[in-house]
Amino acid sequence: MAFDLRFSRTVARLGLLLCTLFTLLHPADVFSQGTTLRVVVLGSSTAAGANATPLSLSWVSRYAAHLATTVPGSEVINLGVGGYTTFSVMPTGNVPPSPWNTSEYSPATNNNITAALALNPSLIIINLPTNDCDLHVPIELQMANYTAIVAAAAAQQVPVWISTPQPRTNGDVAARALLAAMVQS
């Protein structure tokens, strides 16, 4: 995939906007005396900062820098890893259905929703824009995975934001069709 800096900046701005709106519109949910605003990011290469040179230009780094100035003492913890899918961030112990029931698609215990919740976050952002579609994971299964991830967070009263897929022009026709349909889900 060719890196498009304009798109990367748009994603960064959108992430900043959404999280800033949360902190502005729901301060009582985020801040209480002596509490640190802790944002945990789960995701794939876009969240991890792939192709951002230097890494400080990644959307997560830019968001962390913004939050540090607007909410002093806040933390942004990035658990994103290139290549991750919704299966990677499922709760520990989840067994994916066939044909994804291999160790490659088991939850990544150091970077999944269980690990994120162990960090006692104020909120979680999930940025998994395209890998599931590239693997032809049906939309219904992707949505079921997101539902399970959000349910794990909701059980601990942690809000979750899920980014929408990003546009791609590479990959096969079926993957691009899934990606376009996922945007509408």
C-alpha atoms as a PDB file:
ATOM      1  CA  MET A   1       0.000   0.000   0.000  1.00  0.00           C
ATOM      2  CA  ALA A   2       1.372   3.384  -0.924  1.00  0.00           C
ATOM      3  CA  PHE A   3       1.575   5.764   2.015  1.00  0.00           C
ATOM      4  CA  ASP A   4      -0.608   8.817   1.589  1.00  0.00           C
ATOM      5  CA  LEU A   5       0.445  11.532   4.032  1.00  0.00           C
ATOM      6  CA  ARG A   6      -2.743  13.525   3.397  1.00  0.00           C
ATOM      7  CA  PHE A   7      -4.827  10.521   4.418  1.00  0.00           C
ATOM      8  CA  SER A   8      -2.629   9.877   7.457  1.00  0.00           C
ATOM      9  CA  ARG A   9      -3.107  13.471   8.582  1.00  0.00           C
ATOM     10  CA  THR A  10      -6.864  13.135   8.113  1.00  0.00           C
ATOM     11  CA  VAL A  11      -6.893   9.984  10.256  1.00  0.00           C
ATOM     12  CA  ALA A  12      -4.779  11.732  12.902  1.00  0.00           C
ATOM     13  CA  ARG A  13      -7.092  14.736  12.959  1.00  0.00           C
ATOM     14  CA  LEU A  14     -10.164  12.530  13.186  1.00  0.00           C
ATOM     15  CA  GLY A  15      -8.688  10.613  16.110  1.00  0.00           C
ATOM     16  CA  LEU A  16      -7.795  13.871  17.846  1.00  0.00           C
ATOM     17  CA  LEU A  17     -11.258  15.270  17.232  1.00  0.00           C
ATOM     18  CA  LEU A  18     -13.136  12.236  18.512  1.00  0.00           C
ATOM     19  CA  CYS A  19     -11.084  11.863  21.651  1.00  0.00           C
ATOM     20  CA  THR A  20     -11.026  15.572  22.351  1.00  0.00           C
ATOM     21  CA  LEU A  21     -14.805  15.707  21.982  1.00  0.00           C
ATOM     22  CA  PHE A  22     -15.096  12.890  24.498  1.00  0.00           C
ATOM     23  CA  THR A  23     -12.943  14.690  27.029  1.00  0.00           C
ATOM     24  CA  LEU A  24     -14.836  17.941  26.480  1.00  0.00           C
ATOM     25  CA  LEU A  25     -18.356  16.538  26.430  1.00  0.00           C
ATOM     26  CA  HIS A  26     -17.970  14.014  29.221  1.00  0.00           C
ATOM     27  CA  PRO A  27     -15.417  15.400  31.677  1.00  0.00           C
ATOM     28  CA  ALA A  28     -17.171  13.861  34.680  1.00  0.00           C
ATOM     29  CA  ASP A  29     -16.818  10.438  33.053  1.00  0.00           C
ATOM     30  CA  VAL A  30     -13.107  10.935  32.484  1.00  0.00           C
ATOM     31  CA  PHE A  31     -11.887  13.126  35.302  1.00  0.00           C
ATOM     32  CA  SER A  32     -12.287  12.729  38.984  1.00  0.00           C
ATOM     33  CA  GLN A  33     -10.013  14.196  41.585  1.00  0.00           C
ATOM     34  CA  GLY A  34      -6.650  12.457  41.446  1.00  0.00           C
ATOM     35  CA  THR A  35      -7.548  10.336  38.416  1.00  0.00           C
ATOM     36  CA  THR A  36      -5.328  10.107  35.351  1.00  0.00           C
ATOM     37  CA  LEU A  37      -6.900  10.106  31.907  1.00  0.00           C
ATOM     38  CA  ARG A  38      -5.494   6.900  30.414  1.00  0.00           C
ATOM     39  CA  VAL A  39      -6.241   6.086  26.777  1.00  0.00           C
ATOM     40  CA  VAL A  40      -5.293   2.659  25.433  1.00  0.00           C
ATOM     41  CA  VAL A  41      -5.084   2.129  21.683  1.00  0.00           C
ATOM     42  CA  LEU A  42      -5.561  -1.325  20.160  1.00  0.00           C
ATOM     43  CA  GLY A  43      -4.934  -1.828  16.488  1.00  0.00           C
ATOM     44  CA  SER A  44      -2.806  -2.769  13.549  1.00  0.00           C
ATOM     45  CA  SER A  45      -0.104  -1.005  11.546  1.00  0.00           C
ATOM     46  CA  THR A  46      -1.952   2.310  11.276  1.00  0.00           C
ATOM     47  CA  ALA A  47      -2.190   2.489  15.071  1.00  0.00           C
ATOM     48  CA  ALA A  48       1.375   1.211  15.489  1.00  0.00           C
ATOM     49  CA  GLY A  49       2.628   4.051  13.287  1.00  0.00           C
ATOM     50  CA  ALA A  50       3.781   2.122  10.233  1.00  0.00           C
ATOM     51  CA  ASN A  51       5.186   4.421   7.551  1.00  0.00           C
ATOM     52  CA  ALA A  52       5.148   7.428   9.884  1.00  0.00           C
ATOM     53  CA  THR A  53       8.644   8.863   9.734  1.00  0.00           C
ATOM     54  CA  PRO A  54       9.473   9.922  12.316  1.00  0.00           C
ATOM     55  CA  LEU A  55       7.118   7.926  14.545  1.00  0.00           C
ATOM     56  CA  SER A  56       6.058  11.192  16.180  1.00  0.00           C
ATOM     57  CA  LEU A  57       3.973  11.828  13.035  1.00  0.00           C
ATOM     58  CA  SER A  58       1.757   8.785  13.642  1.00  0.00           C
ATOM     59  CA  TRP A  59      -1.795   9.577  14.655  1.00  0.00           C
ATOM     60  CA  VAL A  60      -1.339   7.941  18.071  1.00  0.00           C
ATOM     61  CA  SER A  61       1.805   9.959  18.798  1.00  0.00           C
ATOM     62  CA  ARG A  62       0.129  13.148  17.629  1.00  0.00           C
ATOM     63  CA  TYR A  63      -2.906  12.426  19.766  1.00  0.00           C
ATOM     64  CA  ALA A  64      -0.696  11.695  22.802  1.00  0.00           C
ATOM     65  CA  ALA A  65       1.137  15.001  22.289  1.00  0.00           C
ATOM     66  CA  HIS A  66      -2.147  16.872  21.939  1.00  0.00           C
ATOM     67  CA  LEU A  67      -3.611  15.243  25.023  1.00  0.00           C
ATOM     68  CA  ALA A  68      -0.462  15.985  27.032  1.00  0.00           C
ATOM     69  CA  THR A  69      -0.997  19.699  26.422  1.00  0.00           C
ATOM     70  CA  THR A  70      -4.779  19.747  26.876  1.00  0.00           C
ATOM     71  CA  VAL A  71      -5.009  17.259  29.744  1.00  0.00           C
ATOM     72  CA  PRO A  72      -1.718  17.410  31.671  1.00  0.00           C
ATOM     73  CA  GLY A  73      -0.786  14.102  33.277  1.00  0.00           C
ATOM     74  CA  SER A  74      -2.788  12.058  30.783  1.00  0.00           C
ATOM     75  CA  GLU A  75      -1.394   8.865  29.284  1.00  0.00           C
ATOM     76  CA  VAL A  76      -1.767   7.227  25.884  1.00  0.00           C
ATOM     77  CA  ILE A  77      -0.647   3.606  25.756  1.00  0.00           C
ATOM     78  CA  ASN A  78      -0.297   2.150  22.275  1.00  0.00           C
ATOM     79  CA  LEU A  79      -0.777  -1.618  22.006  1.00  0.00           C
ATOM     80  CA  GLY A  80      -1.064  -1.551  18.190  1.00  0.00           C
ATOM     81  CA  VAL A  81       0.925  -4.089  16.164  1.00  0.00           C
ATOM     82  CA  GLY A  82       1.176  -4.310  12.390  1.00  0.00           C
ATOM     83  CA  GLY A  83      -0.844  -7.125  10.839  1.00  0.00           C
ATOM     84  CA  TYR A  84      -3.353  -7.418  13.677  1.00  0.00           C
ATOM     85  CA  THR A  85      -6.975  -8.297  13.016  1.00  0.00           C
ATOM     86  CA  THR A  86     -10.083  -8.334  15.177  1.00  0.00           C
ATOM     87  CA  PHE A  87      -9.074 -11.875  16.163  1.00  0.00           C
ATOM     88  CA  SER A  88      -5.789 -10.535  17.573  1.00  0.00           C
ATOM     89  CA  VAL A  89      -7.503  -8.194  20.023  1.00  0.00           C
ATOM     90  CA  MET A  90     -10.279 -10.550  21.156  1.00  0.00           C
ATOM     91  CA  PRO A  91     -10.394 -11.461  24.863  1.00  0.00           C
ATOM     92  CA  THR A  92      -7.779 -13.918  26.077  1.00  0.00           C
ATOM     93  CA  GLY A  93      -9.024 -17.485  25.679  1.00  0.00           C
ATOM     94  CA  ASN A  94     -11.154 -16.786  22.607  1.00  0.00           C
ATOM     95  CA  VAL A  95     -10.991 -19.513  19.969  1.00  0.00           C
ATOM     96  CA  PRO A  96     -11.714 -18.200  16.458  1.00  0.00           C
ATOM     97  CA  PRO A  97     -14.050 -20.203  14.230  1.00  0.00           C
ATOM     98  CA  SER A  98     -12.764 -22.242  11.296  1.00  0.00           C
ATOM     99  CA  PRO A  99     -10.827 -21.479   9.105  1.00  0.00           C
ATOM    100  CA  TRP A 100      -9.300 -18.884  11.429  1.00  0.00           C
ATOM    101  CA  ASN A 101      -8.910 -21.288  14.373  1.00  0.00           C
ATOM    102  CA  THR A 102      -5.129 -21.399  14.122  1.00  0.00           C
ATOM    103  CA  SER A 103      -2.508 -19.962  16.439  1.00  0.00           C
ATOM    104  CA  GLU A 104      -1.947 -17.138  13.927  1.00  0.00           C
ATOM    105  CA  TYR A 105      -5.443 -15.818  14.702  1.00  0.00           C
ATOM    106  CA  SER A 106      -5.496 -16.450  18.450  1.00  0.00           C
ATOM    107  CA  PRO A 107      -5.719 -13.416  20.711  1.00  0.00           C
ATOM    108  CA  ALA A 108      -2.403 -11.662  21.258  1.00  0.00           C
ATOM    109  CA  THR A 109      -2.360 -11.773  25.044  1.00  0.00           C
ATOM    110  CA  ASN A 110       0.020  -8.802  25.430  1.00  0.00           C
ATOM    111  CA  ASN A 111      -1.906  -6.567  23.030  1.00  0.00           C
ATOM    112  CA  ASN A 112      -5.577  -7.562  23.219  1.00  0.00           C
ATOM    113  CA  ILE A 113      -8.647  -6.224  25.007  1.00  0.00           C
ATOM    114  CA  THR A 114      -7.788  -8.234  28.131  1.00  0.00           C
ATOM    115  CA  ALA A 115      -4.328  -6.616  28.284  1.00  0.00           C
ATOM    116  CA  ALA A 116      -5.840  -3.199  27.591  1.00  0.00           C
ATOM    117  CA  LEU A 117      -8.366  -3.542  30.405  1.00  0.00           C
ATOM    118  CA  ALA A 118      -5.620  -4.640  32.821  1.00  0.00           C
ATOM    119  CA  LEU A 119      -4.132  -1.155  32.336  1.00  0.00           C
ATOM    120  CA  ASN A 120      -7.262   0.424  33.892  1.00  0.00           C
ATOM    121  CA  PRO A 121      -8.009   2.729  30.943  1.00  0.00           C
ATOM    122  CA  SER A 122     -10.392   5.661  30.947  1.00  0.00           C
ATOM    123  CA  LEU A 123     -11.230   4.787  27.347  1.00  0.00           C
ATOM    124  CA  ILE A 124     -10.064   2.501  24.543  1.00  0.00           C
ATOM    125  CA  ILE A 125      -9.649   3.325  20.864  1.00  0.00           C
ATOM    126  CA  ILE A 126      -9.644   0.459  18.352  1.00  0.00           C
ATOM    127  CA  ASN A 127      -8.024   1.125  14.981  1.00  0.00           C
ATOM    128  CA  LEU A 128      -8.133  -2.018  12.803  1.00  0.00           C
ATOM    129  CA  PRO A 129      -8.812  -0.518   9.400  1.00  0.00           C
ATOM    130  CA  THR A 130      -8.260  -3.220   6.763  1.00  0.00           C
ATOM    131  CA  ASN A 131      -6.606  -6.520   7.676  1.00  0.00           C
ATOM    132  CA  ASP A 132      -9.813  -8.481   8.329  1.00  0.00           C
ATOM    133  CA  CYS A 133     -11.122  -7.522   4.893  1.00  0.00           C
ATOM    134  CA  ASP A 134      -7.816  -8.446   3.259  1.00  0.00           C
ATOM    135  CA  LEU A 135      -8.261 -11.926   4.791  1.00  0.00           C
ATOM    136  CA  HIS A 136     -11.882 -12.066   3.550  1.00  0.00           C
ATOM    137  CA  VAL A 137     -13.307 -12.295   7.067  1.00  0.00           C
ATOM    138  CA  PRO A 138     -17.081 -11.922   6.595  1.00  0.00           C
ATOM    139  CA  ILE A 139     -18.563  -8.668   7.883  1.00  0.00           C
ATOM    140  CA  GLU A 140     -20.867 -10.570  10.239  1.00  0.00           C
ATOM    141  CA  LEU A 141     -17.845 -12.191  11.904  1.00  0.00           C
ATOM    142  CA  GLN A 142     -15.928  -8.908  12.083  1.00  0.00           C
ATOM    143  CA  MET A 143     -18.951  -7.280  13.734  1.00  0.00           C
ATOM    144  CA  ALA A 144     -19.336 -10.219  16.138  1.00  0.00           C
ATOM    145  CA  ASN A 145     -15.671  -9.824  17.089  1.00  0.00           C
ATOM    146  CA  TYR A 146     -16.121  -6.090  17.686  1.00  0.00           C
ATOM    147  CA  THR A 147     -19.235  -6.826  19.750  1.00  0.00           C
ATOM    148  CA  ALA A 148     -17.281  -9.252  21.955  1.00  0.00           C
ATOM    149  CA  ILE A 149     -14.431  -6.770  22.391  1.00  0.00           C
ATOM    150  CA  VAL A 150     -16.787  -3.933  23.306  1.00  0.00           C
ATOM    151  CA  ALA A 151     -18.724  -6.224  25.668  1.00  0.00           C
ATOM    152  CA  ALA A 152     -15.508  -7.043  27.548  1.00  0.00           C
ATOM    153  CA  ALA A 153     -14.840  -3.327  27.974  1.00  0.00           C
ATOM    154  CA  ALA A 154     -18.459  -2.555  28.877  1.00  0.00           C
ATOM    155  CA  ALA A 155     -18.286  -5.160  31.646  1.00  0.00           C
ATOM    156  CA  GLN A 156     -15.658  -2.894  33.239  1.00  0.00           C
ATOM    157  CA  GLN A 157     -17.522   0.290  32.264  1.00  0.00           C
ATOM    158  CA  VAL A 158     -14.794   1.392  29.856  1.00  0.00           C
ATOM    159  CA  PRO A 159     -15.995   3.251  26.735  1.00  0.00           C
ATOM    160  CA  VAL A 160     -14.659   2.115  23.366  1.00  0.00           C
ATOM    161  CA  TRP A 161     -14.255   4.015  20.098  1.00  0.00           C
ATOM    162  CA  ILE A 162     -13.818   2.012  16.902  1.00  0.00           C
ATOM    163  CA  SER A 163     -12.391   3.724  13.845  1.00  0.00           C
ATOM    164  CA  THR A 164     -13.912   3.032  10.470  1.00  0.00           C
ATOM    165  CA  PRO A 165     -11.957   1.203   7.779  1.00  0.00           C
ATOM    166  CA  GLN A 166      -9.608   3.276   5.676  1.00  0.00           C
ATOM    167  CA  PRO A 167      -9.877   3.345   1.901  1.00  0.00           C
ATOM    168  CA  ARG A 168      -7.548   1.131  -0.089  1.00  0.00           C
ATOM    169  CA  THR A 169      -7.113   0.577  -3.753  1.00  0.00           C
ATOM    170  CA  ASN A 170      -4.762  -2.382  -3.567  1.00  0.00           C
ATOM    171  CA  GLY A 171      -5.773  -5.956  -2.767  1.00  0.00           C
ATOM    172  CA  ASP A 172      -8.195  -8.132  -4.646  1.00  0.00           C
ATOM    173  CA  VAL A 173     -11.685  -7.110  -5.716  1.00  0.00           C
ATOM    174  CA  ALA A 174     -13.385  -9.206  -3.013  1.00  0.00           C
ATOM    175  CA  ALA A 175     -11.313  -7.599  -0.233  1.00  0.00           C
ATOM    176  CA  ARG A 176     -12.093  -4.111  -1.536  1.00  0.00           C
ATOM    177  CA  ALA A 177     -15.812  -4.975  -1.721  1.00  0.00           C
ATOM    178  CA  LEU A 178     -15.734  -6.196   1.895  1.00  0.00           C
ATOM    179  CA  LEU A 179     -13.961  -3.026   2.930  1.00  0.00           C
ATOM    180  CA  ALA A 180     -16.579  -0.843   1.236  1.00  0.00           C
ATOM    181  CA  ALA A 181     -19.384  -2.855   2.857  1.00  0.00           C
ATOM    182  CA  MET A 182     -17.700  -2.685   6.276  1.00  0.00           C
ATOM    183  CA  VAL A 183     -17.772   1.116   6.116  1.00  0.00           C
ATOM    184  CA  GLN A 184     -21.572   0.885   5.978  1.00  0.00           C
ATOM    185  CA  SER A 185     -21.817  -1.538   8.938  1.00  0.00           C
END
